[in-house]
PDB file of N, CA and C in Angstrom:
ATOM      1  N   MET A   1     -24.057  31.586  84.444  1.00  0.00           N
ATOM      2  CA  MET A   1     -24.207  33.000  84.270  1.00  0.00           C
ATOM      3  C   MET A   1     -22.897  33.669  83.886  1.00  0.00           C
ATOM      4  N   TRP A   2     -21.769  33.049  84.203  1.00  0.00           N
ATOM      5  CA  TRP A   2     -20.479  33.636  83.830  1.00  0.00           C
ATOM      6  C   TRP A   2     -20.095  33.335  82.386  1.00  0.00           C
ATOM      7  N   LEU A   3     -20.471  32.175  81.872  1.00  0.00           N
ATOM      8  CA  LEU A   3     -20.106  31.829  80.492  1.00  0.00           C
ATOM      9  C   LEU A   3     -20.680  32.811  79.478  1.00  0.00           C
ATOM     10  N   PRO A   4     -21.974  33.163  79.547  1.00  0.00           N
ATOM     11  CA  PRO A   4     -22.472  34.149  78.597  1.00  0.00           C
ATOM     12  C   PRO A   4     -21.797  35.507  78.759  1.00  0.00           C
ATOM     13  N   LEU A   5     -21.425  35.862  79.994  1.00  0.00           N
ATOM     14  CA  LEU A   5     -20.750  37.142  80.214  1.00  0.00           C
ATOM     15  C   LEU A   5     -19.362  37.134  79.576  1.00  0.00           C
ATOM     16  N   VAL A   6     -18.625  36.060  79.763  1.00  0.00           N
ATOM     17  CA  VAL A   6     -17.300  35.949  79.148  1.00  0.00           C
ATOM     18  C   VAL A   6     -17.418  36.001  77.623  1.00  0.00           C
ATOM     19  N   CYS A   7     -18.403  35.311  77.087  1.00  0.00           N
ATOM     20  CA  CYS A   7     -18.626  35.346  75.635  1.00  0.00           C
ATOM     21  C   CYS A   7     -19.002  36.749  75.176  1.00  0.00           C
ATOM     22  N   ALA A   8     -19.824  37.451  75.969  1.00  0.00           N
ATOM     23  CA  ALA A   8     -20.210  38.823  75.639  1.00  0.00           C
ATOM     24  C   ALA A   8     -18.987  39.727  75.591  1.00  0.00           C
ATOM     25  N   ILE A   9     -18.068  39.523  76.512  1.00  0.00           N
ATOM     26  CA  ILE A   9     -16.843  40.330  76.548  1.00  0.00           C
ATOM     27  C   ILE A   9     -15.998  40.058  75.311  1.00  0.00           C
ATOM     28  N   VAL A  10     -15.798  38.800  74.990  1.00  0.00           N
ATOM     29  CA  VAL A  10     -14.971  38.431  73.835  1.00  0.00           C
ATOM     30  C   VAL A  10     -15.567  38.996  72.538  1.00  0.00           C
ATOM     31  N   VAL A  11     -16.878  38.861  72.380  1.00  0.00           N
ATOM     32  CA  VAL A  11     -17.532  39.331  71.164  1.00  0.00           C
ATOM     33  C   VAL A  11     -17.486  40.858  71.082  1.00  0.00           C
ATOM     34  N   GLU A  12     -17.699  41.530  72.220  1.00  0.00           N
ATOM     35  CA  GLU A  12     -17.655  43.001  72.230  1.00  0.00           C
ATOM     36  C   GLU A  12     -16.259  43.508  71.912  1.00  0.00           C
ATOM     37  N   VAL A  13     -15.244  42.863  72.437  1.00  0.00           N
ATOM     38  CA  VAL A  13     -13.867  43.257  72.136  1.00  0.00           C
ATOM     39  C   VAL A  13     -13.579  43.076  70.647  1.00  0.00           C
ATOM     40  N   ALA A  14     -14.005  41.958  70.090  1.00  0.00           N
ATOM     41  CA  ALA A  14     -13.814  41.723  68.654  1.00  0.00           C
ATOM     42  C   ALA A  14     -14.541  42.777  67.827  1.00  0.00           C
ATOM     43  N   ALA A  15     -15.761  43.139  68.223  1.00  0.00           N
ATOM     44  CA  ALA A  15     -16.521  44.157  67.492  1.00  0.00           C
ATOM     45  C   ALA A  15     -15.838  45.520  67.584  1.00  0.00           C
ATOM     46  N   THR A  16     -15.310  45.844  68.740  1.00  0.00           N
ATOM     47  CA  THR A  16     -14.633  47.126  68.909  1.00  0.00           C
ATOM     48  C   THR A  16     -13.352  47.173  68.079  1.00  0.00           C
ATOM     49  N   LEU A  17     -12.618  46.075  68.050  1.00  0.00           N
ATOM     50  CA  LEU A  17     -11.411  46.034  67.213  1.00  0.00           C
ATOM     51  C   LEU A  17     -11.773  46.098  65.726  1.00  0.00           C
ATOM     52  N   ALA A  18     -12.892  45.488  65.344  1.00  0.00           N
ATOM     53  CA  ALA A  18     -13.360  45.594  63.954  1.00  0.00           C
ATOM     54  C   ALA A  18     -13.765  47.028  63.635  1.00  0.00           C
ATOM     55  N   LEU A  19     -14.337  47.715  64.619  1.00  0.00           N
ATOM     56  CA  LEU A  19     -14.692  49.118  64.431  1.00  0.00           C
ATOM     57  C   LEU A  19     -13.444  49.951  64.172  1.00  0.00           C
ATOM     58  N   ARG A  20     -12.395  49.673  64.919  1.00  0.00           N
ATOM     59  CA  ARG A  20     -11.115  50.367  64.709  1.00  0.00           C
ATOM     60  C   ARG A  20     -10.545  50.028  63.335  1.00  0.00           C
ATOM     61  N   ALA A  21     -10.639  48.782  62.934  1.00  0.00           N
ATOM     62  CA  ALA A  21     -10.115  48.348  61.638  1.00  0.00           C
ATOM     63  C   ALA A  21     -10.900  48.950  60.472  1.00  0.00           C
ATOM     64  N   SER A  22     -12.159  49.326  60.730  1.00  0.00           N
ATOM     65  CA  SER A  22     -12.982  49.885  59.649  1.00  0.00           C
ATOM     66  C   SER A  22     -12.534  51.280  59.228  1.00  0.00           C
ATOM     67  N   ASN A  23     -11.711  51.918  60.072  1.00  0.00           N
ATOM     68  CA  ASN A  23     -11.192  53.251  59.757  1.00  0.00           C
ATOM     69  C   ASN A  23     -12.344  54.228  59.484  1.00  0.00           C
ATOM     70  N   GLY A  24     -13.254  54.323  60.437  1.00  0.00           N
ATOM     71  CA  GLY A  24     -14.390  55.221  60.282  1.00  0.00           C
ATOM     72  C   GLY A  24     -15.383  54.741  59.241  1.00  0.00           C
ATOM     73  N   PHE A  25     -15.490  53.439  59.091  1.00  0.00           N
ATOM     74  CA  PHE A  25     -16.349  52.773  58.105  1.00  0.00           C
ATOM     75  C   PHE A  25     -15.955  53.101  56.665  1.00  0.00           C
ATOM     76  N   ARG A  26     -14.713  53.518  56.472  1.00  0.00           N
ATOM     77  CA  ARG A  26     -14.217  53.684  55.106  1.00  0.00           C
ATOM     78  C   ARG A  26     -13.944  52.313  54.479  1.00  0.00           C
ATOM     79  N   ARG A  27     -13.675  51.336  55.317  1.00  0.00           N
ATOM     80  CA  ARG A  27     -13.510  49.950  54.868  1.00  0.00           C
ATOM     81  C   ARG A  27     -14.808  49.209  55.199  1.00  0.00           C
ATOM     82  N   LYS A  28     -15.698  49.169  54.243  1.00  0.00           N
ATOM     83  CA  LYS A  28     -17.057  48.648  54.452  1.00  0.00           C
ATOM     84  C   LYS A  28     -17.097  47.182  54.862  1.00  0.00           C
ATOM     85  N   ILE A  29     -16.053  46.442  54.549  1.00  0.00           N
ATOM     86  CA  ILE A  29     -16.038  45.014  54.874  1.00  0.00           C
ATOM     87  C   ILE A  29     -16.172  44.773  56.382  1.00  0.00           C
ATOM     88  N   TRP A  30     -15.792  45.762  57.192  1.00  0.00           N
ATOM     89  CA  TRP A  30     -15.836  45.612  58.640  1.00  0.00           C
ATOM     90  C   TRP A  30     -17.200  45.956  59.240  1.00  0.00           C
ATOM     91  N   LEU A  31     -18.116  46.470  58.426  1.00  0.00           N
ATOM     92  CA  LEU A  31     -19.429  46.868  58.939  1.00  0.00           C
ATOM     93  C   LEU A  31     -20.192  45.684  59.544  1.00  0.00           C
ATOM     94  N   VAL A  32     -20.205  44.552  58.874  1.00  0.00           N
ATOM     95  CA  VAL A  32     -20.947  43.386  59.360  1.00  0.00           C
ATOM     96  C   VAL A  32     -20.392  42.869  60.691  1.00  0.00           C
ATOM     97  N   PRO A  33     -19.082  42.654  60.837  1.00  0.00           N
ATOM     98  CA  PRO A  33     -18.595  42.183  62.143  1.00  0.00           C
ATOM     99  C   PRO A  33     -18.865  43.168  63.279  1.00  0.00           C
ATOM    100  N   VAL A  34     -18.847  44.452  62.976  1.00  0.00           N
ATOM    101  CA  VAL A  34     -19.121  45.453  64.019  1.00  0.00           C
ATOM    102  C   VAL A  34     -20.565  45.328  64.491  1.00  0.00           C
ATOM    103  N   VAL A  35     -21.506  45.387  63.565  1.00  0.00           N
ATOM    104  CA  VAL A  35     -22.927  45.360  63.920  1.00  0.00           C
ATOM    105  C   VAL A  35     -23.304  44.016  64.552  1.00  0.00           C
ATOM    106  N   VAL A  36     -22.916  42.930  63.914  1.00  0.00           N
ATOM    107  CA  VAL A  36     -23.243  41.598  64.451  1.00  0.00           C
ATOM    108  C   VAL A  36     -22.593  41.404  65.821  1.00  0.00           C
ATOM    109  N   GLY A  37     -21.363  41.858  65.967  1.00  0.00           N
ATOM    110  CA  GLY A  37     -20.659  41.697  67.237  1.00  0.00           C
ATOM    111  C   GLY A  37     -21.319  42.448  68.373  1.00  0.00           C
ATOM    112  N   TYR A  38     -21.693  43.705  68.130  1.00  0.00           N
ATOM    113  CA  TYR A  38     -22.338  44.476  69.197  1.00  0.00           C
ATOM    114  C   TYR A  38     -23.712  43.915  69.546  1.00  0.00           C
ATOM    115  N   VAL A  39     -24.489  43.527  68.545  1.00  0.00           N
ATOM    116  CA  VAL A  39     -25.808  42.934  68.819  1.00  0.00           C
ATOM    117  C   VAL A  39     -25.639  41.635  69.612  1.00  0.00           C
ATOM    118  N   ALA A  40     -24.725  40.779  69.179  1.00  0.00           N
ATOM    119  CA  ALA A  40     -24.494  39.509  69.880  1.00  0.00           C
ATOM    120  C   ALA A  40     -24.007  39.751  71.304  1.00  0.00           C
ATOM    121  N   SER A  41     -23.165  40.743  71.484  1.00  0.00           N
ATOM    122  CA  SER A  41     -22.649  41.033  72.811  1.00  0.00           C
ATOM    123  C   SER A  41     -23.773  41.447  73.768  1.00  0.00           C
ATOM    124  N   PHE A  42     -24.680  42.293  73.288  1.00  0.00           N
ATOM    125  CA  PHE A  42     -25.795  42.701  74.146  1.00  0.00           C
ATOM    126  C   PHE A  42     -26.754  41.549  74.420  1.00  0.00           C
ATOM    127  N   ILE A  43     -26.942  40.690  73.456  1.00  0.00           N
ATOM    128  CA  ILE A  43     -27.783  39.507  73.681  1.00  0.00           C
ATOM    129  C   ILE A  43     -27.150  38.612  74.746  1.00  0.00           C
ATOM    130  N   LEU A  44     -25.859  38.383  74.638  1.00  0.00           N
ATOM    131  CA  LEU A  44     -25.162  37.551  75.628  1.00  0.00           C
ATOM    132  C   LEU A  44     -25.163  38.202  77.007  1.00  0.00           C
ATOM    133  N   LEU A  45     -24.980  39.520  77.044  1.00  0.00           N
ATOM    134  CA  LEU A  45     -25.022  40.228  78.323  1.00  0.00           C
ATOM    135  C   LEU A  45     -26.407  40.104  78.952  1.00  0.00           C
ATOM    136  N   SER A  46     -27.446  40.261  78.154  1.00  0.00           N
ATOM    137  CA  SER A  46     -28.804  40.131  78.701  1.00  0.00           C
ATOM    138  C   SER A  46     -29.076  38.702  79.169  1.00  0.00           C
ATOM    139  N   TRP A  47     -28.511  37.735  78.486  1.00  0.00           N
ATOM    140  CA  TRP A  47     -28.657  36.342  78.903  1.00  0.00           C
ATOM    141  C   TRP A  47     -28.032  36.130  80.281  1.00  0.00           C
ATOM    142  N   SER A  48     -26.844  36.693  80.467  1.00  0.00           N
ATOM    143  CA  SER A  48     -26.177  36.594  81.757  1.00  0.00           C
ATOM    144  C   SER A  48     -27.039  37.219  82.856  1.00  0.00           C
ATOM    145  N   LEU A  49     -27.654  38.362  82.554  1.00  0.00           N
ATOM    146  CA  LEU A  49     -28.532  39.014  83.530  1.00  0.00           C
ATOM    147  C   LEU A  49     -29.764  38.161  83.818  1.00  0.00           C
ATOM    148  N   SER A  50     -30.307  37.533  82.782  1.00  0.00           N
ATOM    149  CA  SER A  50     -31.504  36.705  82.977  1.00  0.00           C
ATOM    150  C   SER A  50     -31.203  35.462  83.809  1.00  0.00           C
ATOM    151  N   LEU A  51     -29.942  35.065  83.864  1.00  0.00           N
ATOM    152  CA  LEU A  51     -29.549  33.912  84.682  1.00  0.00           C
ATOM    153  C   LEU A  51     -29.288  34.291  86.140  1.00  0.00           C
ATOM    154  N   GLY A  52     -29.459  35.579  86.455  1.00  0.00           N
ATOM    155  CA  GLY A  52     -29.370  35.998  87.851  1.00  0.00           C
ATOM    156  C   GLY A  52     -28.172  36.835  88.229  1.00  0.00           C
ATOM    157  N   MET A  53     -27.307  37.171  87.298  1.00  0.00           N
ATOM    158  CA  MET A  53     -26.165  38.013  87.652  1.00  0.00           C
ATOM    159  C   MET A  53     -26.643  39.439  87.908  1.00  0.00           C
ATOM    160  N   PRO A  54     -26.215  40.049  88.996  1.00  0.00           N
ATOM    161  CA  PRO A  54     -26.598  41.443  89.258  1.00  0.00           C
ATOM    162  C   PRO A  54     -26.060  42.367  88.158  1.00  0.00           C
ATOM    163  N   VAL A  55     -26.862  43.341  87.776  1.00  0.00           N
ATOM    164  CA  VAL A  55     -26.498  44.211  86.662  1.00  0.00           C
ATOM    165  C   VAL A  55     -25.229  45.017  86.957  1.00  0.00           C
ATOM    166  N   GLY A  56     -25.037  45.432  88.197  1.00  0.00           N
ATOM    167  CA  GLY A  56     -23.837  46.205  88.541  1.00  0.00           C
ATOM    168  C   GLY A  56     -22.564  45.407  88.346  1.00  0.00           C
ATOM    169  N   ILE A  57     -22.605  44.160  88.712  1.00  0.00           N
ATOM    170  CA  ILE A  57     -21.439  43.289  88.543  1.00  0.00           C
ATOM    171  C   ILE A  57     -21.257  42.940  87.070  1.00  0.00           C
ATOM    172  N   ALA A  58     -22.337  42.554  86.410  1.00  0.00           N
ATOM    173  CA  ALA A  58     -22.233  42.171  84.994  1.00  0.00           C
ATOM    174  C   ALA A  58     -21.702  43.319  84.152  1.00  0.00           C
ATOM    175  N   TYR A  59     -22.282  44.496  84.304  1.00  0.00           N
ATOM    176  CA  TYR A  59     -21.864  45.630  83.484  1.00  0.00           C
ATOM    177  C   TYR A  59     -20.452  46.079  83.857  1.00  0.00           C
ATOM    178  N   GLY A  60     -20.134  46.048  85.136  1.00  0.00           N
ATOM    179  CA  GLY A  60     -18.795  46.440  85.567  1.00  0.00           C
ATOM    180  C   GLY A  60     -17.722  45.530  84.995  1.00  0.00           C
ATOM    181  N   VAL A  61     -17.943  44.237  85.084  1.00  0.00           N
ATOM    182  CA  VAL A  61     -16.978  43.275  84.549  1.00  0.00           C
ATOM    183  C   VAL A  61     -16.915  43.376  83.031  1.00  0.00           C
ATOM    184  N   TRP A  62     -18.072  43.476  82.380  1.00  0.00           N
ATOM    185  CA  TRP A  62     -18.146  43.557  80.911  1.00  0.00           C
ATOM    186  C   TRP A  62     -17.398  44.781  80.389  1.00  0.00           C
ATOM    187  N   SER A  63     -17.688  45.932  80.964  1.00  0.00           N
ATOM    188  CA  SER A  63     -17.056  47.151  80.458  1.00  0.00           C
ATOM    189  C   SER A  63     -15.583  47.228  80.836  1.00  0.00           C
ATOM    190  N   ALA A  64     -15.244  46.860  82.058  1.00  0.00           N
ATOM    191  CA  ALA A  64     -13.847  46.948  82.494  1.00  0.00           C
ATOM    192  C   ALA A  64     -12.954  45.981  81.719  1.00  0.00           C
ATOM    193  N   CYS A  65     -13.405  44.765  81.564  1.00  0.00           N
ATOM    194  CA  CYS A  65     -12.617  43.793  80.792  1.00  0.00           C
ATOM    195  C   CYS A  65     -12.503  44.234  79.342  1.00  0.00           C
ATOM    196  N   GLY A  66     -13.578  44.795  78.811  1.00  0.00           N
ATOM    197  CA  GLY A  66     -13.544  45.288  77.436  1.00  0.00           C
ATOM    198  C   GLY A  66     -12.507  46.381  77.253  1.00  0.00           C
ATOM    199  N   VAL A  67     -12.497  47.349  78.155  1.00  0.00           N
ATOM    200  CA  VAL A  67     -11.525  48.447  78.072  1.00  0.00           C
ATOM    201  C   VAL A  67     -10.103  47.912  78.154  1.00  0.00           C
ATOM    202  N   ALA A  68      -9.851  47.062  79.131  1.00  0.00           N
ATOM    203  CA  ALA A  68      -8.497  46.543  79.331  1.00  0.00           C
ATOM    204  C   ALA A  68      -8.048  45.690  78.140  1.00  0.00           C
ATOM    205  N   LEU A  69      -8.897  44.804  77.677  1.00  0.00           N
ATOM    206  CA  LEU A  69      -8.517  43.922  76.563  1.00  0.00           C
ATOM    207  C   LEU A  69      -8.319  44.692  75.263  1.00  0.00           C
ATOM    208  N   VAL A  70      -9.197  45.655  74.987  1.00  0.00           N
ATOM    209  CA  VAL A  70      -9.043  46.447  73.765  1.00  0.00           C
ATOM    210  C   VAL A  70      -7.732  47.222  73.800  1.00  0.00           C
ATOM    211  N   ALA A  71      -7.403  47.816  74.928  1.00  0.00           N
ATOM    212  CA  ALA A  71      -6.152  48.569  75.033  1.00  0.00           C
ATOM    213  C   ALA A  71      -4.941  47.660  74.803  1.00  0.00           C
ATOM    214  N   LEU A  72      -4.958  46.480  75.394  1.00  0.00           N
ATOM    215  CA  LEU A  72      -3.830  45.556  75.248  1.00  0.00           C
ATOM    216  C   LEU A  72      -3.712  45.014  73.822  1.00  0.00           C
ATOM    217  N   ILE A  73      -4.836  44.603  73.248  1.00  0.00           N
ATOM    218  CA  ILE A  73      -4.796  44.019  71.910  1.00  0.00           C
ATOM    219  C   ILE A  73      -4.502  45.073  70.852  1.00  0.00           C
ATOM    220  N   ALA A  74      -5.053  46.284  71.020  1.00  0.00           N
ATOM    221  CA  ALA A  74      -4.830  47.357  70.039  1.00  0.00           C
ATOM    222  C   ALA A  74      -3.358  47.756  69.972  1.00  0.00           C
ATOM    223  N   LYS A  75      -2.642  47.571  71.059  1.00  0.00           N
ATOM    224  CA  LYS A  75      -1.200  47.858  71.038  1.00  0.00           C
ATOM    225  C   LYS A  75      -0.508  46.992  69.997  1.00  0.00           C
ATOM    226  N   TYR A  76      -0.902  45.746  69.915  1.00  0.00           N
ATOM    227  CA  TYR A  76      -0.245  44.823  69.002  1.00  0.00           C
ATOM    228  C   TYR A  76      -0.852  44.825  67.600  1.00  0.00           C
ATOM    229  N   LEU A  77      -2.163  44.972  67.496  1.00  0.00           N
ATOM    230  CA  LEU A  77      -2.798  44.954  66.175  1.00  0.00           C
ATOM    231  C   LEU A  77      -2.635  46.267  65.409  1.00  0.00           C
ATOM    232  N   PHE A  78      -2.730  47.383  66.148  1.00  0.00           N
ATOM    233  CA  PHE A  78      -2.757  48.688  65.494  1.00  0.00           C
ATOM    234  C   PHE A  78      -1.606  49.591  65.909  1.00  0.00           C
ATOM    235  N   ALA A  79      -0.648  49.058  66.644  1.00  0.00           N
ATOM    236  CA  ALA A  79       0.512  49.808  67.121  1.00  0.00           C
ATOM    237  C   ALA A  79       0.089  51.062  67.893  1.00  0.00           C
ATOM    238  N   GLU A  80      -0.985  50.948  68.658  1.00  0.00           N
ATOM    239  CA  GLU A  80      -1.438  52.064  69.470  1.00  0.00           C
ATOM    240  C   GLU A  80      -0.622  52.114  70.755  1.00  0.00           C
ATOM    241  N   PRO A  81      -0.473  53.300  71.319  1.00  0.00           N
ATOM    242  CA  PRO A  81       0.363  53.422  72.518  1.00  0.00           C
ATOM    243  C   PRO A  81      -0.260  52.719  73.723  1.00  0.00           C
ATOM    244  N   LEU A  82       0.606  52.208  74.563  1.00  0.00           N
ATOM    245  CA  LEU A  82       0.201  51.639  75.843  1.00  0.00           C
ATOM    246  C   LEU A  82       1.295  52.004  76.838  1.00  0.00           C
ATOM    247  N   THR A  83       1.107  53.144  77.491  1.00  0.00           N
ATOM    248  CA  THR A  83       2.106  53.671  78.415  1.00  0.00           C
ATOM    249  C   THR A  83       1.964  53.024  79.788  1.00  0.00           C
ATOM    250  N   TRP A  84       2.929  53.293  80.639  1.00  0.00           N
ATOM    251  CA  TRP A  84       2.851  52.746  81.982  1.00  0.00           C
ATOM    252  C   TRP A  84       1.678  53.354  82.743  1.00  0.00           C
ATOM    253  N   VAL A  85       1.317  54.598  82.427  1.00  0.00           N
ATOM    254  CA  VAL A  85       0.159  55.230  83.073  1.00  0.00           C
ATOM    255  C   VAL A  85      -1.123  54.505  82.648  1.00  0.00           C
ATOM    256  N   MET A  86      -1.210  54.147  81.360  1.00  0.00           N
ATOM    257  CA  MET A  86      -2.366  53.384  80.893  1.00  0.00           C
ATOM    258  C   MET A  86      -2.396  52.014  81.559  1.00  0.00           C
ATOM    259  N   GLY A  87      -1.229  51.397  81.714  1.00  0.00           N
ATOM    260  CA  GLY A  87      -1.144  50.114  82.420  1.00  0.00           C
ATOM    261  C   GLY A  87      -1.594  50.243  83.860  1.00  0.00           C
ATOM    262  N   LEU A  88      -1.213  51.335  84.492  1.00  0.00           N
ATOM    263  CA  LEU A  88      -1.662  51.588  85.857  1.00  0.00           C
ATOM    264  C   LEU A  88      -3.178  51.735  85.897  1.00  0.00           C
ATOM    265  N   GLY A  89      -3.741  52.432  84.913  1.00  0.00           N
ATOM    266  CA  GLY A  89      -5.186  52.580  84.827  1.00  0.00           C
ATOM    267  C   GLY A  89      -5.879  51.235  84.661  1.00  0.00           C
ATOM    268  N   ILE A  90      -5.309  50.379  83.827  1.00  0.00           N
ATOM    269  CA  ILE A  90      -5.859  49.030  83.653  1.00  0.00           C
ATOM    270  C   ILE A  90      -5.797  48.265  84.969  1.00  0.00           C
ATOM    271  N   GLY A  91      -4.713  48.446  85.705  1.00  0.00           N
ATOM    272  CA  GLY A  91      -4.608  47.823  87.029  1.00  0.00           C
ATOM    273  C   GLY A  91      -5.693  48.322  87.973  1.00  0.00           C
ATOM    274  N   PHE A  92      -5.973  49.626  87.931  1.00  0.00           N
ATOM    275  CA  PHE A  92      -7.055  50.176  88.759  1.00  0.00           C
ATOM    276  C   PHE A  92      -8.419  49.615  88.340  1.00  0.00           C
ATOM    277  N   ILE A  93      -8.607  49.438  87.047  1.00  0.00           N
ATOM    278  CA  ILE A  93      -9.861  48.851  86.562  1.00  0.00           C
ATOM    279  C   ILE A  93     -10.021  47.444  87.130  1.00  0.00           C
ATOM    280  N   ILE A  94      -8.973  46.662  87.036  1.00  0.00           N
ATOM    281  CA  ILE A  94      -9.015  45.287  87.554  1.00  0.00           C
ATOM    282  C   ILE A  94      -9.280  45.290  89.055  1.00  0.00           C
ATOM    283  N   ALA A  95      -8.595  46.181  89.773  1.00  0.00           N
ATOM    284  CA  ALA A  95      -8.800  46.267  91.225  1.00  0.00           C
ATOM    285  C   ALA A  95     -10.232  46.670  91.544  1.00  0.00           C
ATOM    286  N   GLY A  96     -10.792  47.589  90.776  1.00  0.00           N
ATOM    287  CA  GLY A  96     -12.169  48.016  91.007  1.00  0.00           C
ATOM    288  C   GLY A  96     -13.159  46.903  90.769  1.00  0.00           C
ATOM    289  N   VAL A  97     -12.974  46.157  89.695  1.00  0.00           N
ATOM    290  CA  VAL A  97     -13.871  45.050  89.399  1.00  0.00           C
ATOM    291  C   VAL A  97     -13.757  43.977  90.478  1.00  0.00           C
ATOM    292  N   LEU A  98     -12.549  43.672  90.897  1.00  0.00           N
ATOM    293  CA  LEU A  98     -12.378  42.675  91.960  1.00  0.00           C
ATOM    294  C   LEU A  98     -13.003  43.146  93.262  1.00  0.00           C
ATOM    295  N   THR A  99     -12.874  44.430  93.552  1.00  0.00           N
ATOM    296  CA  THR A  99     -13.485  44.969  94.767  1.00  0.00           C
ATOM    297  C   THR A  99     -14.999  44.824  94.731  1.00  0.00           C
ATOM    298  N   ILE A 100     -15.598  45.172  93.584  1.00  0.00           N
ATOM    299  CA  ILE A 100     -17.043  45.037  93.447  1.00  0.00           C
ATOM    300  C   ILE A 100     -17.460  43.575  93.555  1.00  0.00           C
ATOM    301  N   GLU A 101     -16.722  42.708  92.909  1.00  0.00           N
ATOM    302  CA  GLU A 101     -17.075  41.289  92.887  1.00  0.00           C
ATOM    303  C   GLU A 101     -16.908  40.642  94.267  1.00  0.00           C
ATOM    304  N   VAL A 102     -15.767  40.868  94.899  1.00  0.00           N
ATOM    305  CA  VAL A 102     -15.483  40.210  96.175  1.00  0.00           C
ATOM    306  C   VAL A 102     -16.265  40.851  97.316  1.00  0.00           C
ATOM    307  N   LEU A 103     -16.186  42.145  97.440  1.00  0.00           N
ATOM    308  CA  LEU A 103     -16.868  42.813  98.569  1.00  0.00           C
ATOM    309  C   LEU A 103     -18.364  42.958  98.316  1.00  0.00           C
ATOM    310  N   GLY A 104     -18.743  43.147  97.061  1.00  0.00           N
ATOM    311  CA  GLY A 104     -20.156  43.312  96.739  1.00  0.00           C
ATOM    312  C   GLY A 104     -20.966  42.053  96.936  1.00  0.00           C
ATOM    313  N   SER A 105     -20.341  40.920  96.756  1.00  0.00           N
ATOM    314  CA  SER A 105     -21.079  39.651  96.867  1.00  0.00           C
ATOM    315  C   SER A 105     -21.225  39.199  98.318  1.00  0.00           C
ATOM    316  N   THR A 106     -20.563  39.852  99.265  1.00  0.00           N
ATOM    317  CA  THR A 106     -20.663  39.436 100.656  1.00  0.00           C
ATOM    318  C   THR A 106     -21.915  39.983 101.335  1.00  0.00           C
ATOM    319  N   HIS A 107     -22.594  40.924 100.705  1.00  0.00           N
ATOM    320  CA  HIS A 107     -23.782  41.528 101.318  1.00  0.00           C
ATOM    321  C   HIS A 107     -25.047  40.946 100.760  1.00  0.00           C
TER     322      HIS A 107
END
């Protein structure tokens, strides 16, 4: 159940970065990776759910990892800012996901 989720995260991050590279779809070449990536990501996410992962954990990990990875990668690919406050926010995201995963699974 974790492998499809990890794949969903990777594909969604790639699709989001392709969306950024499309420059508002002015660069049409990026349209296919965006659409295919988002569709594939949702298929993989649903697969993870069908294997028994709780939706709160799956969606929390998927979205939080996506936000953190896009922010980190966009700094290097697109020279977007990544301040210490944004880094702190990413740390809070990670802490929140770990809290949900560790404490949520004990009940």
